[in-house]
Amino acid sequence: MVVLIRRISAPAVAGLLLATAVLSLPGQASAAVAKLDLLQGNSNGFGASCTYTLTAWTTSNVPVTFADAAGASFTPAAQVVPTGGSATVNWTPNAPGSHLLTATQGDNVQTTLVVVGTGVNTGSTTCRVF
């Protein structure tokens, strides 16, 4: 019987160990925002300085980050941990114009484009939009 012994270089062993370690890592749960809902409330359209409810419907508990390319405030915060399949914030656009709203969860991004007019907050649940 002939036994062949072959020497393996240190870099080859290190590469093999690294590949094994990477393949052995547990998979990250898939994060996916399925859709965005934006409620107008009693308003006729969306108005700057008025507040609206923005909800991201999701399939995981990975935090959802909300953003508005044109500028807005989000309460309680721009990043929310979903509960019961959704993450909800109050969105208040800063100025009239086109607002691209995004909800990002992991690598998944959902967007919606909203046209915002001049708003007059009447102090109740109604915002007058011009």
Foldseek 3Di string as FASTA:
>chain_A
DDDDDDDDDPVVVVVVVVVVVVVPDDDDDDKEQPAKDKDPFQEDFAAAQAKIKIKTFIDDQAKKAKDKPQDWAWPPHRIAGDDPRMGMIITHHHHFAKIWMWIDGPPYIDIDIGGHAHWDDPPDRYIYGD
